[in-house]
Amino acid sequence: MWGTVSMDTMILIPSTFTADEKNLMLRIYKIGTIARVISTFAIRQIGVYYDRDPNFDSHALGRFIVKVLKYINTPPYLRRYAFPIDSDLRYIGVIEPLKTRHHLKSNGRYRYVQVLEDKGDYVVCSDGRATYKLKKTKAYMKGLKIYLADLSKKIIVSKTAPKEYYGYEVFYFSKPLKYLLKKLKSRGYYIIGTSRYGEDIRLTRFEKNSKIAIVFGGPYRGLKDILSERDTQLMDVLVNFVPGQEVETIRMEEAVHYVLSILRYRGLI
């Protein structure tokens, strides 16, 4: 049933992802759909980048997306300890459960925990039923409350440490997309942009790379509008994954399905 993960794959979505949806319940449902898809394809990182919009607080929307994605990724056994009652999450029950390894397995070497106390070189953590003393590593970030623990070594680890899939990391990037792309390029990522104005997928030849970032545009602005012509060159390839589409726009929660399916078929992820 379970596979292993060999690639470092990231998807980047805009803070405006749910901006066209005024209903909180539907916003949460859309974010939940994204979480299900990326978990199906064992995507380990999600970046939410700032996409400006004059009509609303795009930063607040981006942080809301991050909050919901973090909640969904957190195993059910830990949620009531890790997340206080929050009106933003009152419709969280509309999402489909992930049912990934870290949500279904109640024991094993790796387990999600919540930090209770910081003791300097180590932290006291709990999974809701037991308490652990875990040594800090590079994966530890001050202020972060939820971690993946290697219980056999009694240390904090990143979600990329196990060969198996143990969920995703999610972060908010508060600057425009071009600055994030520059960072990723400097770290050796192969960047794939998605756009109806890109190269026909049937003609596209991809490069093999162990580090891949897949970039999506927003509901009101595609990547051609978000980035200047010069900054578009930061992407290694800009691809039209659905040539000949017969709908005016493809919604992002639909596009993620299409793109990841095609890239899996092509052996990139």
Protein backbone atom coordinates (compact mmCIF):
# COMPACT_ATOMS: atom_id res chain seq x y z
CA MET A 1 0.00 0.00 0.00
CA TRP A 2 2.74 2.46 0.96
CA GLY A 3 5.62 3.58 -1.24
CA THR A 4 8.88 5.41 -0.68
CA VAL A 5 9.86 8.95 -1.65
CA SER A 6 13.09 9.61 -3.53
CA MET A 7 12.62 13.16 -4.84
CA ASP A 8 12.48 16.60 -3.26
CA THR A 9 9.38 18.06 -4.92
CA MET A 10 7.73 21.36 -4.03
CA ILE A 11 4.61 23.07 -5.30
CA LEU A 12 4.13 26.82 -5.13
CA ILE A 13 0.64 28.33 -4.96
CA PRO A 14 -0.41 31.99 -4.62
CA SER A 15 -1.89 33.61 -1.54
CA THR A 16 -4.87 34.49 -3.76
CA PHE A 17 -5.73 30.82 -4.34
CA THR A 18 -9.08 31.10 -2.52
CA ALA A 19 -9.69 34.79 -3.28
CA ASP A 20 -12.50 34.04 -5.73
CA GLU A 21 -14.39 32.14 -3.03
CA LYS A 22 -16.25 34.28 -0.47
CA ASN A 23 -17.72 31.35 1.47
CA LEU A 24 -15.42 30.14 4.28
CA MET A 25 -16.65 26.56 4.03
CA LEU A 26 -15.85 26.38 0.31
CA ARG A 27 -12.44 27.98 0.88
CA ILE A 28 -11.56 25.28 3.38
CA TYR A 29 -12.90 22.57 1.07
CA LYS A 30 -10.71 23.81 -1.80
CA ILE A 31 -7.62 23.86 0.40
CA GLY A 32 -8.47 20.36 1.58
CA THR A 33 -8.67 19.19 -2.02
CA ILE A 34 -5.14 20.48 -2.64
CA ALA A 35 -3.89 18.73 0.51
CA ARG A 36 -5.38 15.42 -0.67
CA VAL A 37 -3.81 15.67 -4.12
CA ILE A 38 -0.32 16.60 -2.97
CA SER A 39 -0.40 13.85 -0.34
CA THR A 40 -1.47 11.33 -2.98
CA PHE A 41 1.63 12.20 -4.98
CA ALA A 42 3.88 12.39 -1.89
CA ILE A 43 4.76 16.07 -2.34
CA ARG A 44 6.89 17.06 0.62
CA GLN A 45 6.84 20.85 0.43
CA ILE A 46 4.18 23.47 -0.25
CA GLY A 47 5.06 27.13 -0.57
CA VAL A 48 2.38 29.82 -0.48
CA TYR A 49 3.79 32.94 -2.11
CA TYR A 50 2.46 36.49 -1.82
CA ASP A 51 0.33 37.56 -4.77
CA ARG A 52 -0.80 41.17 -4.38
CA ASP A 53 -4.43 42.13 -4.86
CA PRO A 54 -5.90 45.63 -4.35
CA ASN A 55 -9.28 44.33 -3.16
CA PHE A 56 -8.33 42.40 -0.02
CA ASP A 57 -5.53 41.50 2.40
CA SER A 58 -3.63 38.94 0.39
CA HIS A 59 -1.15 38.33 3.21
CA ALA A 60 -4.01 37.31 5.52
CA LEU A 61 -5.38 34.96 2.88
CA GLY A 62 -1.97 33.36 2.43
CA ARG A 63 -1.52 32.77 6.14
CA PHE A 64 -5.03 31.31 6.30
CA ILE A 65 -4.11 28.79 3.59
CA VAL A 66 -0.98 27.83 5.54
CA LYS A 67 -2.98 27.40 8.76
CA VAL A 68 -5.52 25.09 7.13
CA LEU A 69 -2.83 23.05 5.37
CA LYS A 70 -0.94 22.61 8.65
CA TYR A 71 -4.10 21.49 10.41
CA ILE A 72 -4.92 18.95 7.70
CA ASN A 73 -1.40 17.50 7.78
CA THR A 74 -1.41 17.15 11.58
CA PRO A 75 -2.47 13.62 12.63
CA PRO A 76 -5.97 13.47 14.16
CA TYR A 77 -4.60 12.19 17.48
CA LEU A 78 -2.66 15.43 17.94
CA ARG A 79 -5.02 18.09 16.61
CA ARG A 80 -6.96 18.86 19.78
CA TYR A 81 -3.68 19.36 21.66
CA ALA A 82 -1.94 21.34 18.94
CA PHE A 83 -4.73 23.64 17.73
CA PRO A 84 -6.85 25.79 20.06
CA ILE A 85 -10.47 26.48 19.16
CA ASP A 86 -10.33 28.77 16.12
CA SER A 87 -13.26 30.29 14.22
CA ASP A 88 -11.18 30.11 11.03
CA LEU A 89 -11.35 26.32 11.28
CA ARG A 90 -15.01 25.92 12.18
CA TYR A 91 -15.82 24.24 8.86
CA ILE A 92 -12.78 21.97 8.82
CA GLY A 93 -15.09 18.95 8.98
CA VAL A 94 -16.00 19.37 5.30
CA ILE A 95 -12.59 18.16 4.14
CA GLU A 96 -11.89 14.55 3.26
CA PRO A 97 -9.38 12.92 5.64
CA LEU A 98 -5.90 12.31 4.25
CA LYS A 99 -5.60 8.72 5.49
CA THR A 100 -1.87 8.83 4.89
CA ARG A 101 0.64 6.71 6.79
CA HIS A 102 1.17 9.23 9.56
CA HIS A 103 -2.59 9.56 10.09
CA LEU A 104 -3.38 5.85 10.23
CA LYS A 105 -0.44 4.25 12.03
CA SER A 106 -0.66 4.51 15.81
CA ASN A 107 2.88 3.33 16.47
CA GLY A 108 6.24 3.00 14.77
CA ARG A 109 9.61 4.69 14.61
CA TYR A 110 8.32 8.08 13.46
CA ARG A 111 5.53 10.01 15.12
CA TYR A 112 4.23 13.57 15.18
CA VAL A 113 4.58 15.34 18.52
CA GLN A 114 3.80 18.69 20.11
CA VAL A 115 6.46 20.66 21.99
CA LEU A 116 5.51 21.24 25.62
CA GLU A 117 8.76 22.65 27.04
CA ASP A 118 12.07 23.85 25.66
CA LYS A 119 14.90 22.65 27.91
CA GLY A 120 17.86 23.99 25.96
CA ASP A 121 19.53 21.02 24.28
CA TYR A 122 16.32 19.03 24.23
CA VAL A 123 12.56 19.52 24.21
CA VAL A 124 9.78 17.80 26.12
CA CYS A 125 7.11 16.66 23.67
CA SER A 126 3.83 14.78 23.70
CA ASP A 127 1.76 12.88 21.15
CA GLY A 128 -1.32 13.12 23.35
CA ARG A 129 -0.78 9.79 25.08
CA ALA A 130 2.91 9.76 26.06
CA THR A 131 5.68 12.26 26.83
CA TYR A 132 9.15 12.19 25.26
CA LYS A 133 12.48 13.94 25.76
CA LEU A 134 13.87 14.62 22.29
CA LYS A 135 17.23 16.05 21.32
CA LYS A 136 17.20 19.12 19.10
CA THR A 137 18.64 18.91 15.58
CA LYS A 138 18.81 21.23 12.56
CA ALA A 139 15.13 20.43 12.03
CA TYR A 140 14.23 22.34 15.19
CA MET A 141 12.94 25.89 14.68
CA LYS A 142 12.20 28.10 17.65
CA GLY A 143 8.50 28.90 17.89
CA LEU A 144 7.35 25.90 15.86
CA LYS A 145 5.14 23.61 17.93
CA ILE A 146 4.58 20.49 15.80
CA TYR A 147 7.44 18.19 14.76
CA LEU A 148 8.14 14.76 13.44
CA ALA A 149 10.10 12.69 15.95
CA ASP A 150 12.38 9.71 15.44
CA LEU A 151 11.46 7.80 18.59
CA SER A 152 14.20 5.20 18.14
CA LYS A 153 16.94 7.87 18.15
CA LYS A 154 14.95 10.25 20.40
CA ILE A 155 15.52 13.24 18.14
CA ILE A 156 13.54 15.83 16.18
CA VAL A 157 13.73 15.21 12.42
CA SER A 158 12.48 16.88 9.25
CA LYS A 159 9.61 15.33 7.30
CA THR A 160 12.12 14.44 4.58
CA ALA A 161 14.17 12.23 6.92
CA PRO A 162 12.14 9.01 6.52
CA LYS A 163 12.26 7.19 3.19
CA GLU A 164 8.50 6.85 3.48
CA TYR A 165 6.07 9.75 3.14
CA TYR A 166 5.21 11.41 6.44
CA GLY A 167 3.36 14.45 5.22
CA TYR A 168 4.40 17.85 3.94
CA GLU A 169 6.07 21.01 5.15
CA VAL A 170 4.21 24.23 4.41
CA PHE A 171 5.50 27.80 4.54
CA TYR A 172 4.38 31.31 3.67
CA PHE A 173 6.67 33.49 1.57
CA SER A 174 5.70 37.11 2.20
CA LYS A 175 7.49 38.61 -0.82
CA PRO A 176 6.58 38.47 -4.52
CA LEU A 177 7.16 35.24 -6.41
CA LYS A 178 10.28 36.37 -8.26
CA TYR A 179 12.28 36.49 -5.03
CA LEU A 180 11.28 32.95 -4.12
CA LEU A 181 12.21 31.69 -7.59
CA LYS A 182 15.65 33.29 -7.28
CA LYS A 183 16.19 31.48 -3.97
CA LEU A 184 15.13 28.16 -5.43
CA LYS A 185 17.37 28.59 -8.47
CA SER A 186 20.35 29.24 -6.19
CA ARG A 187 19.55 25.97 -4.39
CA GLY A 188 19.54 23.93 -7.57
CA TYR A 189 15.81 23.50 -8.14
CA TYR A 190 14.44 22.74 -11.60
CA ILE A 191 11.46 25.07 -11.88
CA ILE A 192 8.38 24.18 -13.91
CA GLY A 193 5.80 26.91 -14.51
CA THR A 194 2.21 26.19 -15.52
CA SER A 195 0.36 28.42 -17.98
CA ARG A 196 -2.11 28.16 -20.85
CA TYR A 197 0.39 30.33 -22.73
CA GLY A 198 3.25 27.93 -22.15
CA GLU A 199 4.78 25.29 -24.41
CA ASP A 200 2.50 22.42 -25.42
CA ILE A 201 3.13 19.55 -22.99
CA ARG A 202 3.20 17.14 -25.93
CA LEU A 203 6.31 18.93 -27.22
CA THR A 204 8.02 19.59 -23.90
CA ARG A 205 11.26 17.86 -22.97
CA PHE A 206 12.02 18.02 -19.27
CA GLU A 207 15.38 17.73 -17.56
CA LYS A 208 15.80 15.14 -14.84
CA ASN A 209 16.48 16.66 -11.44
CA SER A 210 16.13 15.43 -7.87
CA LYS A 211 14.84 18.86 -6.79
CA ILE A 212 11.75 20.12 -8.59
CA ALA A 213 9.49 23.12 -7.95
CA ILE A 214 6.13 23.38 -9.74
CA VAL A 215 4.60 26.86 -9.88
CA PHE A 216 0.90 27.71 -10.25
CA GLY A 217 -0.73 31.06 -10.95
CA GLY A 218 -3.81 32.52 -9.27
CA PRO A 219 -7.52 32.84 -10.06
CA TYR A 220 -7.16 36.39 -11.37
CA ARG A 221 -3.57 36.46 -12.64
CA GLY A 222 -1.56 33.76 -14.34
CA LEU A 223 2.23 33.50 -14.16
CA LYS A 224 2.58 35.67 -17.26
CA ASP A 225 0.85 38.48 -15.34
CA ILE A 226 2.44 37.83 -11.95
CA LEU A 227 5.98 37.84 -13.36
CA SER A 228 7.62 40.29 -15.74
CA GLU A 229 8.91 38.90 -19.02
CA ARG A 230 12.42 39.00 -17.58
CA ASP A 231 11.43 37.24 -14.35
CA THR A 232 9.62 34.54 -16.32
CA GLN A 233 13.09 33.43 -17.38
CA LEU A 234 13.71 32.30 -13.78
CA MET A 235 11.61 29.25 -14.63
CA ASP A 236 13.36 26.49 -16.55
CA VAL A 237 10.25 25.74 -18.55
CA LEU A 238 6.73 27.19 -18.85
CA VAL A 239 4.24 24.52 -19.88
CA ASN A 240 0.64 24.33 -21.05
CA PHE A 241 -0.44 21.03 -19.50
CA VAL A 242 -3.92 21.12 -21.06
CA PRO A 243 -3.55 22.24 -24.69
CA GLY A 244 -6.83 22.88 -26.46
CA GLN A 245 -8.80 23.45 -23.27
CA GLU A 246 -12.49 24.12 -23.90
CA VAL A 247 -13.15 26.08 -20.70
CA GLU A 248 -12.21 29.71 -20.20
CA THR A 249 -10.10 28.98 -17.13
CA ILE A 250 -8.88 25.89 -15.32
CA ARG A 251 -9.25 26.23 -11.57
CA MET A 252 -6.09 25.65 -9.60
CA GLU A 253 -7.46 22.72 -7.62
CA GLU A 254 -8.14 21.09 -11.00
CA ALA A 255 -4.77 22.07 -12.45
CA VAL A 256 -2.85 20.46 -9.60
CA HIS A 257 -4.55 17.13 -10.41
CA TYR A 258 -3.67 17.38 -14.10
CA VAL A 259 -0.10 18.58 -13.67
CA LEU A 260 0.99 16.08 -11.02
CA SER A 261 -0.60 13.19 -12.91
CA ILE A 262 1.26 14.10 -16.10
CA LEU A 263 4.58 14.64 -14.31
CA ARG A 264 4.22 11.29 -12.55
CA TYR A 265 3.55 9.64 -15.92
CA ARG A 266 6.62 11.37 -17.36
CA GLY A 267 8.72 10.09 -14.45
CA LEU A 268 9.62 13.48 -13.00
CA ILE A 269 7.96 13.08 -9.60
